[in-house]
Amino acid sequence: MDLKTYSMIAIDPENKVKMVRIIADILEINPDTSPLLKPLFERDELIAEAQKTMEQGDYERAVILFQQISNLCLDLGDDSLAIEFHEKSVKLKKLLSS
């Protein structure tokens, strides 16, 4: 059929970035500069950074990152994820103040 194939499981969260890049390739969109895709990659990078920050014990920085992720999710229309990260930032901020 002359179609590209990809050996992966699309529903595996580890393959999310790969799937976005495949879709961008099919649509001939540069995922690094597209105003449609760039925020998705930025969100994922912030989530990875927040996770590392938490592991390192830099909770004040994590609060800031959680807030940034929440705002970005709102911009992307992902309200449930925005709420989740907002709640994480609020909880962590309360723990730090006590």
PDB file of N, CA and C in Angstrom:
ATOM      1  N   MET A   1       0.816  -1.191   0.000  1.00  0.00           N
ATOM      2  CA  MET A   1       0.000   0.000   0.000  1.00  0.00           C
ATOM      3  C   MET A   1       0.862   1.258   0.000  1.00  0.00           C
ATOM      4  N   ASP A   2       2.151   1.087   0.122  1.00  0.00           N
ATOM      5  CA  ASP A   2       3.090   2.201   0.078  1.00  0.00           C
ATOM      6  C   ASP A   2       2.856   3.221   1.193  1.00  0.00           C
ATOM      7  N   LEU A   3       2.561   2.718   2.410  1.00  0.00           N
ATOM      8  CA  LEU A   3       2.374   3.574   3.573  1.00  0.00           C
ATOM      9  C   LEU A   3       3.466   3.298   4.592  1.00  0.00           C
ATOM     10  N   LYS A   4       3.868   4.332   5.313  1.00  0.00           N
ATOM     11  CA  LYS A   4       4.852   4.146   6.376  1.00  0.00           C
ATOM     12  C   LYS A   4       4.217   3.372   7.523  1.00  0.00           C
ATOM     13  N   THR A   5       5.027   2.570   8.187  1.00  0.00           N
ATOM     14  CA  THR A   5       4.558   1.874   9.388  1.00  0.00           C
ATOM     15  C   THR A   5       5.496   2.229  10.541  1.00  0.00           C
ATOM     16  N   TYR A   6       4.958   2.146  11.734  1.00  0.00           N
ATOM     17  CA  TYR A   6       5.727   2.495  12.922  1.00  0.00           C
ATOM     18  C   TYR A   6       5.533   1.396  13.955  1.00  0.00           C
ATOM     19  N   SER A   7       6.642   0.881  14.464  1.00  0.00           N
ATOM     20  CA  SER A   7       6.549  -0.201  15.444  1.00  0.00           C
ATOM     21  C   SER A   7       6.538   0.387  16.852  1.00  0.00           C
ATOM     22  N   MET A   8       5.332   0.573  17.375  1.00  0.00           N
ATOM     23  CA  MET A   8       5.172   1.067  18.733  1.00  0.00           C
ATOM     24  C   MET A   8       3.715   0.916  19.143  1.00  0.00           C
ATOM     25  N   ILE A   9       3.485   1.096  20.422  1.00  0.00           N
ATOM     26  CA  ILE A   9       2.123   1.072  20.939  1.00  0.00           C
ATOM     27  C   ILE A   9       1.709   2.517  21.158  1.00  0.00           C
ATOM     28  N   ALA A  10       0.738   2.969  20.405  1.00  0.00           N
ATOM     29  CA  ALA A  10       0.367   4.382  20.406  1.00  0.00           C
ATOM     30  C   ALA A  10      -0.220   4.848  21.728  1.00  0.00           C
ATOM     31  N   ILE A  11      -0.849   3.977  22.489  1.00  0.00           N
ATOM     32  CA  ILE A  11      -1.470   4.408  23.737  1.00  0.00           C
ATOM     33  C   ILE A  11      -0.488   4.439  24.909  1.00  0.00           C
ATOM     34  N   ASP A  12       0.731   3.969  24.699  1.00  0.00           N
ATOM     35  CA  ASP A  12       1.757   4.015  25.739  1.00  0.00           C
ATOM     36  C   ASP A  12       2.174   5.469  25.942  1.00  0.00           C
ATOM     37  N   PRO A  13       2.052   6.000  27.177  1.00  0.00           N
ATOM     38  CA  PRO A  13       2.404   7.405  27.428  1.00  0.00           C
ATOM     39  C   PRO A  13       3.839   7.756  27.030  1.00  0.00           C
ATOM     40  N   GLU A  14       4.720   6.784  27.046  1.00  0.00           N
ATOM     41  CA  GLU A  14       6.110   7.027  26.658  1.00  0.00           C
ATOM     42  C   GLU A  14       6.232   7.390  25.169  1.00  0.00           C
ATOM     43  N   ASN A  15       5.219   7.042  24.380  1.00  0.00           N
ATOM     44  CA  ASN A  15       5.266   7.278  22.938  1.00  0.00           C
ATOM     45  C   ASN A  15       4.507   8.531  22.503  1.00  0.00           C
ATOM     46  N   LYS A  16       4.053   9.347  23.463  1.00  0.00           N
ATOM     47  CA  LYS A  16       3.244  10.519  23.124  1.00  0.00           C
ATOM     48  C   LYS A  16       3.993  11.487  22.202  1.00  0.00           C
ATOM     49  N   VAL A  17       5.223  11.821  22.557  1.00  0.00           N
ATOM     50  CA  VAL A  17       5.999  12.756  21.743  1.00  0.00           C
ATOM     51  C   VAL A  17       6.236  12.170  20.357  1.00  0.00           C
ATOM     52  N   LYS A  18       6.524  10.879  20.329  1.00  0.00           N
ATOM     53  CA  LYS A  18       6.762  10.208  19.047  1.00  0.00           C
ATOM     54  C   LYS A  18       5.511  10.268  18.162  1.00  0.00           C
ATOM     55  N   MET A  19       4.340  10.065  18.769  1.00  0.00           N
ATOM     56  CA  MET A  19       3.086  10.119  18.006  1.00  0.00           C
ATOM     57  C   MET A  19       2.830  11.523  17.449  1.00  0.00           C
ATOM     58  N   VAL A  20       3.085  12.544  18.251  1.00  0.00           N
ATOM     59  CA  VAL A  20       2.888  13.919  17.781  1.00  0.00           C
ATOM     60  C   VAL A  20       3.820  14.200  16.610  1.00  0.00           C
ATOM     61  N   ARG A  21       5.055  13.722  16.718  1.00  0.00           N
ATOM     62  CA  ARG A  21       6.006  13.931  15.612  1.00  0.00           C
ATOM     63  C   ARG A  21       5.572  13.185  14.340  1.00  0.00           C
ATOM     64  N   ILE A  22       5.021  11.997  14.503  1.00  0.00           N
ATOM     65  CA  ILE A  22       4.531  11.238  13.344  1.00  0.00           C
ATOM     66  C   ILE A  22       3.377  11.980  12.682  1.00  0.00           C
ATOM     67  N   ILE A  23       2.446  12.449  13.491  1.00  0.00           N
ATOM     68  CA  ILE A  23       1.303  13.192  12.942  1.00  0.00           C
ATOM     69  C   ILE A  23       1.784  14.467  12.255  1.00  0.00           C
ATOM     70  N   ALA A  24       2.735  15.157  12.881  1.00  0.00           N
ATOM     71  CA  ALA A  24       3.289  16.367  12.268  1.00  0.00           C
ATOM     72  C   ALA A  24       3.955  16.043  10.938  1.00  0.00           C
ATOM     73  N   ASP A  25       4.654  14.914  10.891  1.00  0.00           N
ATOM     74  CA  ASP A  25       5.311  14.483   9.650  1.00  0.00           C
ATOM     75  C   ASP A  25       4.284  14.206   8.559  1.00  0.00           C
ATOM     76  N   ILE A  26       3.209  13.522   8.920  1.00  0.00           N
ATOM     77  CA  ILE A  26       2.160  13.212   7.952  1.00  0.00           C
ATOM     78  C   ILE A  26       1.525  14.486   7.418  1.00  0.00           C
ATOM     79  N   LEU A  27       1.312  15.453   8.316  1.00  0.00           N
ATOM     80  CA  LEU A  27       0.687  16.724   7.926  1.00  0.00           C
ATOM     81  C   LEU A  27       1.700  17.734   7.391  1.00  0.00           C
ATOM     82  N   GLU A  28       2.976  17.314   7.357  1.00  0.00           N
ATOM     83  CA  GLU A  28       4.076  18.149   6.880  1.00  0.00           C
ATOM     84  C   GLU A  28       4.171  19.448   7.674  1.00  0.00           C
ATOM     85  N   ILE A  29       4.122  19.303   9.002  1.00  0.00           N
ATOM     86  CA  ILE A  29       4.244  20.429   9.923  1.00  0.00           C
ATOM     87  C   ILE A  29       5.549  20.249  10.693  1.00  0.00           C
ATOM     88  N   ASN A  30       6.302  21.327  10.852  1.00  0.00           N
ATOM     89  CA  ASN A  30       7.512  21.260  11.659  1.00  0.00           C
ATOM     90  C   ASN A  30       7.101  21.350  13.120  1.00  0.00           C
ATOM     91  N   PRO A  31       7.217  20.259  13.885  1.00  0.00           N
ATOM     92  CA  PRO A  31       6.738  20.261  15.272  1.00  0.00           C
ATOM     93  C   PRO A  31       7.520  21.193  16.196  1.00  0.00           C
ATOM     94  N   ASP A  32       8.733  21.574  15.803  1.00  0.00           N
ATOM     95  CA  ASP A  32       9.545  22.437  16.652  1.00  0.00           C
ATOM     96  C   ASP A  32       9.180  23.912  16.514  1.00  0.00           C
ATOM     97  N   THR A  33       8.561  24.280  15.407  1.00  0.00           N
ATOM     98  CA  THR A  33       8.241  25.689  15.182  1.00  0.00           C
ATOM     99  C   THR A  33       6.750  25.948  15.010  1.00  0.00           C
ATOM    100  N   SER A  34       5.966  24.909  14.875  1.00  0.00           N
ATOM    101  CA  SER A  34       4.530  25.081  14.672  1.00  0.00           C
ATOM    102  C   SER A  34       3.870  25.684  15.903  1.00  0.00           C
ATOM    103  N   PRO A  35       3.102  26.756  15.713  1.00  0.00           N
ATOM    104  CA  PRO A  35       2.398  27.331  16.862  1.00  0.00           C
ATOM    105  C   PRO A  35       1.333  26.381  17.423  1.00  0.00           C
ATOM    106  N   LEU A  36       0.975  25.364  16.664  1.00  0.00           N
ATOM    107  CA  LEU A  36       0.003  24.382  17.132  1.00  0.00           C
ATOM    108  C   LEU A  36       0.646  23.315  18.010  1.00  0.00           C
ATOM    109  N   LEU A  37       1.861  22.923  17.676  1.00  0.00           N
ATOM    110  CA  LEU A  37       2.507  21.817  18.381  1.00  0.00           C
ATOM    111  C   LEU A  37       3.518  22.247  19.440  1.00  0.00           C
ATOM    112  N   LYS A  38       4.099  23.420  19.257  1.00  0.00           N
ATOM    113  CA  LYS A  38       5.133  23.878  20.180  1.00  0.00           C
ATOM    114  C   LYS A  38       4.650  23.915  21.629  1.00  0.00           C
ATOM    115  N   PRO A  39       3.424  24.405  21.919  1.00  0.00           N
ATOM    116  CA  PRO A  39       2.960  24.400  23.314  1.00  0.00           C
ATOM    117  C   PRO A  39       2.845  22.995  23.915  1.00  0.00           C
ATOM    118  N   LEU A  40       2.527  21.998  23.090  1.00  0.00           N
ATOM    119  CA  LEU A  40       2.449  20.622  23.590  1.00  0.00           C
ATOM    120  C   LEU A  40       3.812  20.138  24.061  1.00  0.00           C
ATOM    121  N   PHE A  41       4.829  20.427  23.256  1.00  0.00           N
ATOM    122  CA  PHE A  41       6.177  20.012  23.634  1.00  0.00           C
ATOM    123  C   PHE A  41       6.662  20.807  24.844  1.00  0.00           C
ATOM    124  N   GLU A  42       6.324  22.092  24.900  1.00  0.00           N
ATOM    125  CA  GLU A  42       6.712  22.915  26.037  1.00  0.00           C
ATOM    126  C   GLU A  42       6.081  22.387  27.324  1.00  0.00           C
ATOM    127  N   ARG A  43       4.800  22.007  27.257  1.00  0.00           N
ATOM    128  CA  ARG A  43       4.115  21.452  28.429  1.00  0.00           C
ATOM    129  C   ARG A  43       4.806  20.175  28.905  1.00  0.00           C
ATOM    130  N   ASP A  44       5.113  19.294  27.969  1.00  0.00           N
ATOM    131  CA  ASP A  44       5.752  18.028  28.332  1.00  0.00           C
ATOM    132  C   ASP A  44       7.139  18.250  28.929  1.00  0.00           C
ATOM    133  N   GLU A  45       7.877  19.233  28.400  1.00  0.00           N
ATOM    134  CA  GLU A  45       9.196  19.543  28.941  1.00  0.00           C
ATOM    135  C   GLU A  45       9.076  20.101  30.360  1.00  0.00           C
ATOM    136  N   LEU A  46       8.068  20.957  30.589  1.00  0.00           N
ATOM    137  CA  LEU A  46       7.853  21.506  31.925  1.00  0.00           C
ATOM    138  C   LEU A  46       7.464  20.415  32.915  1.00  0.00           C
ATOM    139  N   ILE A  47       6.653  19.465  32.485  1.00  0.00           N
ATOM    140  CA  ILE A  47       6.259  18.360  33.363  1.00  0.00           C
ATOM    141  C   ILE A  47       7.484  17.530  33.746  1.00  0.00           C
ATOM    142  N   ALA A  48       8.342  17.243  32.774  1.00  0.00           N
ATOM    143  CA  ALA A  48       9.565  16.481  33.063  1.00  0.00           C
ATOM    144  C   ALA A  48      10.469  17.262  34.007  1.00  0.00           C
ATOM    145  N   GLU A  49      10.583  18.567  33.794  1.00  0.00           N
ATOM    146  CA  GLU A  49      11.410  19.404  34.672  1.00  0.00           C
ATOM    147  C   GLU A  49      10.835  19.444  36.090  1.00  0.00           C
ATOM    148  N   ALA A  50       9.507  19.539  36.195  1.00  0.00           N
ATOM    149  CA  ALA A  50       8.861  19.569  37.510  1.00  0.00           C
ATOM    150  C   ALA A  50       9.104  18.260  38.260  1.00  0.00           C
ATOM    151  N   GLN A  51       9.045  17.157  37.545  1.00  0.00           N
ATOM    152  CA  GLN A  51       9.287  15.860  38.177  1.00  0.00           C
ATOM    153  C   GLN A  51      10.720  15.783  38.715  1.00  0.00           C
ATOM    154  N   LYS A  52      11.685  16.226  37.910  1.00  0.00           N
ATOM    155  CA  LYS A  52      13.078  16.216  38.360  1.00  0.00           C
ATOM    156  C   LYS A  52      13.270  17.148  39.553  1.00  0.00           C
ATOM    157  N   THR A  53      12.607  18.302  39.503  1.00  0.00           N
ATOM    158  CA  THR A  53      12.708  19.271  40.582  1.00  0.00           C
ATOM    159  C   THR A  53      12.173  18.692  41.885  1.00  0.00           C
ATOM    160  N   MET A  54      11.056  17.980  41.810  1.00  0.00           N
ATOM    161  CA  MET A  54      10.493  17.336  42.999  1.00  0.00           C
ATOM    162  C   MET A  54      11.456  16.281  43.536  1.00  0.00           C
ATOM    163  N   GLU A  55      12.031  15.481  42.637  1.00  0.00           N
ATOM    164  CA  GLU A  55      12.972  14.444  43.054  1.00  0.00           C
ATOM    165  C   GLU A  55      14.195  15.041  43.737  1.00  0.00           C
ATOM    166  N   GLN A  56      14.595  16.237  43.320  1.00  0.00           N
ATOM    167  CA  GLN A  56      15.760  16.907  43.896  1.00  0.00           C
ATOM    168  C   GLN A  56      15.416  17.666  45.179  1.00  0.00           C
ATOM    169  N   GLY A  57      14.132  17.753  45.488  1.00  0.00           N
ATOM    170  CA  GLY A  57      13.710  18.421  46.720  1.00  0.00           C
ATOM    171  C   GLY A  57      13.583  19.931  46.611  1.00  0.00           C
ATOM    172  N   ASP A  58      13.607  20.472  45.400  1.00  0.00           N
ATOM    173  CA  ASP A  58      13.453  21.926  45.201  1.00  0.00           C
ATOM    174  C   ASP A  58      11.967  22.232  45.036  1.00  0.00           C
ATOM    175  N   TYR A  59      11.255  22.225  46.163  1.00  0.00           N
ATOM    176  CA  TYR A  59       9.801  22.331  46.133  1.00  0.00           C
ATOM    177  C   TYR A  59       9.303  23.721  45.757  1.00  0.00           C
ATOM    178  N   GLU A  60      10.055  24.744  46.100  1.00  0.00           N
ATOM    179  CA  GLU A  60       9.653  26.103  45.711  1.00  0.00           C
ATOM    180  C   GLU A  60       9.663  26.254  44.194  1.00  0.00           C
ATOM    181  N   ARG A  61      10.669  25.703  43.560  1.00  0.00           N
ATOM    182  CA  ARG A  61      10.742  25.728  42.091  1.00  0.00           C
ATOM    183  C   ARG A  61       9.613  24.880  41.499  1.00  0.00           C
ATOM    184  N   ALA A  62       9.297  23.775  42.140  1.00  0.00           N
ATOM    185  CA  ALA A  62       8.218  22.903  41.665  1.00  0.00           C
ATOM    186  C   ALA A  62       6.885  23.631  41.678  1.00  0.00           C
ATOM    187  N   VAL A  63       6.634  24.446  42.709  1.00  0.00           N
ATOM    188  CA  VAL A  63       5.391  25.225  42.769  1.00  0.00           C
ATOM    189  C   VAL A  63       5.282  26.131  41.543  1.00  0.00           C
ATOM    190  N   ILE A  64       6.373  26.799  41.214  1.00  0.00           N
ATOM    191  CA  ILE A  64       6.393  27.703  40.059  1.00  0.00           C
ATOM    192  C   ILE A  64       6.132  26.920  38.775  1.00  0.00           C
ATOM    193  N   LEU A  65       6.789  25.778  38.638  1.00  0.00           N
ATOM    194  CA  LEU A  65       6.601  24.955  37.434  1.00  0.00           C
ATOM    195  C   LEU A  65       5.169  24.431  37.338  1.00  0.00           C
ATOM    196  N   PHE A  66       4.596  23.985  38.463  1.00  0.00           N
ATOM    197  CA  PHE A  66       3.211  23.508  38.460  1.00  0.00           C
ATOM    198  C   PHE A  66       2.257  24.614  38.003  1.00  0.00           C
ATOM    199  N   GLN A  67       2.512  25.835  38.450  1.00  0.00           N
ATOM    200  CA  GLN A  67       1.670  26.956  38.034  1.00  0.00           C
ATOM    201  C   GLN A  67       1.823  27.235  36.537  1.00  0.00           C
ATOM    202  N   GLN A  68       3.056  27.182  36.047  1.00  0.00           N
ATOM    203  CA  GLN A  68       3.297  27.386  34.614  1.00  0.00           C
ATOM    204  C   GLN A  68       2.607  26.308  33.782  1.00  0.00           C
ATOM    205  N   ILE A  69       2.701  25.067  34.238  1.00  0.00           N
ATOM    206  CA  ILE A  69       2.056  23.954  33.530  1.00  0.00           C
ATOM    207  C   ILE A  69       0.552  24.144  33.534  1.00  0.00           C
ATOM    208  N   SER A  70      -0.001  24.538  34.664  1.00  0.00           N
ATOM    209  CA  SER A  70      -1.444  24.766  34.755  1.00  0.00           C
ATOM    210  C   SER A  70      -1.894  25.836  33.770  1.00  0.00           C
ATOM    211  N   ASN A  71      -1.169  26.944  33.726  1.00  0.00           N
ATOM    212  CA  ASN A  71      -1.516  28.026  32.796  1.00  0.00           C
ATOM    213  C   ASN A  71      -1.414  27.579  31.335  1.00  0.00           C
ATOM    214  N   LEU A  72      -0.372  26.829  31.037  1.00  0.00           N
ATOM    215  CA  LEU A  72      -0.192  26.343  29.665  1.00  0.00           C
ATOM    216  C   LEU A  72      -1.304  25.374  29.282  1.00  0.00           C
ATOM    217  N   CYS A  73      -1.703  24.513  30.219  1.00  0.00           N
ATOM    218  CA  CYS A  73      -2.795  23.572  29.957  1.00  0.00           C
ATOM    219  C   CYS A  73      -4.099  24.322  29.695  1.00  0.00           C
ATOM    220  N   LEU A  74      -4.332  25.400  30.432  1.00  0.00           N
ATOM    221  CA  LEU A  74      -5.525  26.219  30.176  1.00  0.00           C
ATOM    222  C   LEU A  74      -5.494  26.791  28.762  1.00  0.00           C
ATOM    223  N   ASP A  75      -4.319  27.274  28.355  1.00  0.00           N
ATOM    224  CA  ASP A  75      -4.170  27.810  26.997  1.00  0.00           C
ATOM    225  C   ASP A  75      -4.433  26.742  25.939  1.00  0.00           C
ATOM    226  N   LEU A  76      -4.059  25.497  26.256  1.00  0.00           N
ATOM    227  CA  LEU A  76      -4.245  24.393  25.318  1.00  0.00           C
ATOM    228  C   LEU A  76      -5.658  23.822  25.362  1.00  0.00           C
ATOM    229  N   GLY A  77      -6.450  24.277  26.330  1.00  0.00           N
ATOM    230  CA  GLY A  77      -7.817  23.780  26.450  1.00  0.00           C
ATOM    231  C   GLY A  77      -7.932  22.482  27.220  1.00  0.00           C
ATOM    232  N   ASP A  78      -6.877  22.107  27.921  1.00  0.00           N
ATOM    233  CA  ASP A  78      -6.886  20.882  28.712  1.00  0.00           C
ATOM    234  C   ASP A  78      -7.204  21.247  30.160  1.00  0.00           C
ATOM    235  N   ASP A  79      -8.483  21.526  30.420  1.00  0.00           N
ATOM    236  CA  ASP A  79      -8.900  22.031  31.729  1.00  0.00           C
ATOM    237  C   ASP A  79      -8.640  21.046  32.861  1.00  0.00           C
ATOM    238  N   SER A  80      -8.855  19.763  32.620  1.00  0.00           N
ATOM    239  CA  SER A  80      -8.671  18.786  33.704  1.00  0.00           C
ATOM    240  C   SER A  80      -7.214  18.719  34.139  1.00  0.00           C
ATOM    241  N   LEU A  81      -6.290  18.763  33.202  1.00  0.00           N
ATOM    242  CA  LEU A  81      -4.869  18.744  33.552  1.00  0.00           C
ATOM    243  C   LEU A  81      -4.470  20.072  34.199  1.00  0.00           C
ATOM    244  N   ALA A  82      -5.062  21.169  33.749  1.00  0.00           N
ATOM    245  CA  ALA A  82      -4.790  22.474  34.351  1.00  0.00           C
ATOM    246  C   ALA A  82      -5.210  22.469  35.817  1.00  0.00           C
ATOM    247  N   ILE A  83      -6.375  21.926  36.092  1.00  0.00           N
ATOM    248  CA  ILE A  83      -6.868  21.848  37.470  1.00  0.00           C
ATOM    249  C   ILE A  83      -5.951  20.965  38.307  1.00  0.00           C
ATOM    250  N   GLU A  84      -5.546  19.835  37.752  1.00  0.00           N
ATOM    251  CA  GLU A  84      -4.667  18.912  38.480  1.00  0.00           C
ATOM    252  C   GLU A  84      -3.369  19.596  38.902  1.00  0.00           C
ATOM    253  N   PHE A  85      -2.732  20.316  37.981  1.00  0.00           N
ATOM    254  CA  PHE A  85      -1.462  20.962  38.314  1.00  0.00           C
ATOM    255  C   PHE A  85      -1.663  22.186  39.202  1.00  0.00           C
ATOM    256  N   HIS A  86      -2.786  22.866  39.051  1.00  0.00           N
ATOM    257  CA  HIS A  86      -3.084  23.979  39.955  1.00  0.00           C
ATOM    258  C   HIS A  86      -3.238  23.460  41.388  1.00  0.00           C
ATOM    259  N   GLU A  87      -3.966  22.363  41.542  1.00  0.00           N
ATOM    260  CA  GLU A  87      -4.159  21.774  42.870  1.00  0.00           C
ATOM    261  C   GLU A  87      -2.829  21.313  43.464  1.00  0.00           C
ATOM    262  N   LYS A  88      -1.960  20.764  42.637  1.00  0.00           N
ATOM    263  CA  LYS A  88      -0.637  20.350  43.123  1.00  0.00           C
ATOM    264  C   LYS A  88       0.150  21.558  43.623  1.00  0.00           C
ATOM    265  N   SER A  89       0.092  22.656  42.879  1.00  0.00           N
ATOM    266  CA  SER A  89       0.838  23.844  43.301  1.00  0.00           C
ATOM    267  C   SER A  89       0.278  24.406  44.602  1.00  0.00           C
ATOM    268  N   VAL A  90      -1.037  24.404  44.744  1.00  0.00           N
ATOM    269  CA  VAL A  90      -1.672  24.917  45.973  1.00  0.00           C
ATOM    270  C   VAL A  90      -1.286  24.046  47.171  1.00  0.00           C
ATOM    271  N   LYS A  91      -1.378  22.742  47.029  1.00  0.00           N
ATOM    272  CA  LYS A  91      -1.033  21.820  48.124  1.00  0.00           C
ATOM    273  C   LYS A  91       0.419  21.978  48.537  1.00  0.00           C
ATOM    274  N   LEU A  92       1.296  22.035  47.541  1.00  0.00           N
ATOM    275  CA  LEU A  92       2.717  22.149  47.832  1.00  0.00           C
ATOM    276  C   LEU A  92       3.027  23.494  48.487  1.00  0.00           C
ATOM    277  N   LYS A  93       2.370  24.543  48.024  1.00  0.00           N
ATOM    278  CA  LYS A  93       2.566  25.865  48.609  1.00  0.00           C
ATOM    279  C   LYS A  93       2.121  25.879  50.074  1.00  0.00           C
ATOM    280  N   LYS A  94       1.007  25.207  50.382  1.00  0.00           N
ATOM    281  CA  LYS A  94       0.534  25.111  51.767  1.00  0.00           C
ATOM    282  C   LYS A  94       1.529  24.346  52.630  1.00  0.00           C
ATOM    283  N   LEU A  95       2.069  23.252  52.102  1.00  0.00           N
ATOM    284  CA  LEU A  95       3.052  22.479  52.854  1.00  0.00           C
ATOM    285  C   LEU A  95       4.309  23.298  53.146  1.00  0.00           C
ATOM    286  N   LEU A  96       4.713  24.097  52.181  1.00  0.00           N
ATOM    287  CA  LEU A  96       5.921  24.913  52.363  1.00  0.00           C
ATOM    288  C   LEU A  96       5.705  26.036  53.369  1.00  0.00           C
ATOM    289  N   SER A  97       4.481  26.545  53.439  1.00  0.00           N
ATOM    290  CA  SER A  97       4.214  27.654  54.367  1.00  0.00           C
ATOM    291  C   SER A  97       4.008  27.176  55.795  1.00  0.00           C
ATOM    292  N   SER A  98       3.759  25.887  55.979  1.00  0.00           N
ATOM    293  CA  SER A  98       3.528  25.391  57.355  1.00  0.00           C
ATOM    294  C   SER A  98       4.801  24.865  57.998  1.00  0.00           C
TER     295      SER A  98
END
